[in-house]
Amino acid sequence: METFSLNITCLVMSNLRGIAVARSTPRVMAFWRLLMVRRAVRCGRAIADTVKKLGIQIRAGVHTGECEVIGEKLDGIAEHIGARIGALAAPDEVLVSRTVSDLVAGSGLRFEDRGTHS
């Protein structure tokens, strides 16, 4: 079932122009080109909604910042922050950084404040 949900995840990301750079069950790390932060958030929500129908819960974290692609991996502080945000997300939740919520202001996406984390 995990492989099936991984395939769904990659398909949804591809449809929203995301690029998977690290695929290991149960984690997928992806990136979007500059100014596509809104798509990353929508992708997280679409994946969560899709796999929930299969009885699978995911946690998604979205952050934006400078990173470097090395082979099939992302590296840099933005990748580490995104991973930490994903780890803090509740099941079926897409948790985003303040940077992301500020960048998508006016896009129609709505967020609930989860407080400050360090």
Protein backbone atom coordinates (compact mmCIF):
# COMPACT_ATOMS: atom_id res chain seq x y z
CA MET A 1 0.00 0.00 0.00
CA GLU A 2 2.90 2.38 0.73
CA THR A 3 4.27 1.96 -2.80
CA PHE A 4 0.81 2.67 -4.22
CA SER A 5 0.49 5.87 -2.16
CA LEU A 6 4.02 6.86 -3.22
CA ASN A 7 2.97 6.49 -6.87
CA ILE A 8 -0.14 8.61 -6.25
CA THR A 9 2.01 11.23 -4.55
CA CYS A 10 4.41 11.42 -7.50
CA LEU A 11 1.52 11.58 -9.99
CA VAL A 12 -0.18 14.46 -8.17
CA MET A 13 3.14 16.31 -7.86
CA SER A 14 3.83 15.87 -11.56
CA ASN A 15 0.39 17.20 -12.48
CA LEU A 16 1.14 20.32 -10.42
CA ARG A 17 4.63 20.66 -11.95
CA GLY A 18 6.49 19.49 -8.87
CA ILE A 19 9.76 17.62 -9.18
CA ALA A 20 10.38 14.69 -6.84
CA VAL A 21 14.01 14.64 -5.82
CA ALA A 22 14.01 12.08 -3.02
CA ARG A 23 11.66 9.12 -2.98
CA SER A 24 11.90 6.76 -0.07
CA THR A 25 8.90 5.14 1.51
CA PRO A 26 7.27 6.77 3.38
CA ARG A 27 8.88 10.15 2.56
CA VAL A 28 8.93 12.19 -0.63
CA MET A 29 10.87 15.43 -0.96
CA ALA A 30 9.97 17.63 -3.89
CA PHE A 31 10.51 21.12 -5.15
CA TRP A 32 8.77 23.64 -7.34
CA ARG A 33 10.39 26.40 -9.32
CA LEU A 34 10.34 29.95 -7.99
CA LEU A 35 6.87 31.50 -7.66
CA MET A 36 5.09 28.13 -7.52
CA VAL A 37 4.73 27.99 -3.75
CA ARG A 38 0.92 28.00 -4.05
CA ARG A 39 1.13 24.81 -6.14
CA ALA A 40 3.20 23.08 -3.48
CA VAL A 41 0.53 23.83 -0.85
CA ARG A 42 -2.27 22.69 -3.14
CA CYS A 43 -0.32 19.56 -4.01
CA GLY A 44 0.06 18.64 -0.33
CA ARG A 45 -3.69 19.07 0.16
CA ALA A 46 -4.52 17.06 -3.00
CA ILE A 47 -2.25 14.20 -1.94
CA ALA A 48 -3.70 14.13 1.59
CA ASP A 49 -7.26 14.12 0.25
CA THR A 50 -6.52 11.42 -2.33
CA VAL A 51 -4.75 8.91 -0.10
CA LYS A 52 -7.19 9.48 2.78
CA LYS A 53 -9.81 7.72 0.60
CA LEU A 54 -7.50 4.70 0.74
CA GLY A 55 -7.26 4.81 4.52
CA ILE A 56 -3.78 6.37 4.45
CA GLN A 57 -2.85 9.49 6.40
CA ILE A 58 0.03 11.74 5.46
CA ARG A 59 1.73 14.75 7.00
CA ALA A 60 2.97 17.48 4.67
CA GLY A 61 5.28 20.41 5.33
CA VAL A 62 5.83 23.29 2.93
CA HIS A 63 8.62 25.85 3.13
CA THR A 64 10.39 27.94 0.55
CA GLY A 65 13.95 29.15 0.38
CA GLU A 66 17.29 28.64 -1.29
CA CYS A 67 18.38 25.05 -1.75
CA GLU A 68 20.70 23.09 -3.94
CA VAL A 69 19.84 19.98 -5.92
CA ILE A 70 22.66 17.45 -5.63
CA GLY A 71 21.91 14.39 -7.74
CA GLU A 72 18.49 13.28 -6.55
CA LYS A 73 18.63 15.12 -3.23
CA LEU A 74 17.89 18.60 -1.96
CA ASP A 75 20.34 20.22 0.41
CA GLY A 76 20.39 23.42 2.35
CA ILE A 77 18.62 25.07 5.25
CA ALA A 78 15.31 25.34 3.34
CA GLU A 79 15.21 21.54 2.93
CA HIS A 80 15.86 21.02 6.64
CA ILE A 81 13.20 23.54 7.65
CA GLY A 82 10.66 21.91 5.29
CA ALA A 83 11.39 18.48 6.76
CA ARG A 84 10.95 19.80 10.32
CA ILE A 85 7.65 21.45 9.38
CA GLY A 86 6.44 18.19 7.86
CA ALA A 87 7.37 16.34 11.05
CA LEU A 88 5.28 18.82 13.09
CA ALA A 89 2.20 18.42 10.89
CA ALA A 90 -0.73 16.43 12.23
CA PRO A 91 -2.09 13.48 10.22
CA ASP A 92 -3.91 14.75 7.08
CA GLU A 93 -2.47 18.23 7.64
CA VAL A 94 -0.48 20.47 5.33
CA LEU A 95 1.59 22.67 7.61
CA VAL A 96 3.37 25.67 6.09
CA SER A 97 5.99 28.13 7.27
CA ARG A 98 5.28 31.81 7.85
CA THR A 99 7.37 32.48 4.74
CA VAL A 100 4.97 30.40 2.64
CA SER A 101 1.82 31.96 4.11
CA ASP A 102 3.21 35.44 3.46
CA LEU A 103 4.13 34.60 -0.15
CA VAL A 104 0.70 33.20 -1.03
CA ALA A 105 -1.29 36.05 0.54
CA GLY A 106 -4.16 36.93 -1.78
CA SER A 107 -4.12 33.51 -3.51
CA GLY A 108 -7.31 32.27 -1.87
CA LEU A 109 -5.49 29.80 0.38
CA ARG A 110 -6.45 30.08 4.04
CA PHE A 111 -4.37 29.08 7.04
CA GLU A 112 -4.87 28.66 10.76
CA ASP A 113 -2.11 29.99 13.02
CA ARG A 114 -0.31 27.13 14.81
CA GLY A 115 1.93 29.40 16.85
CA THR A 116 5.69 29.80 16.82
CA HIS A 117 8.03 26.82 16.72
CA SER A 118 11.80 26.69 16.95
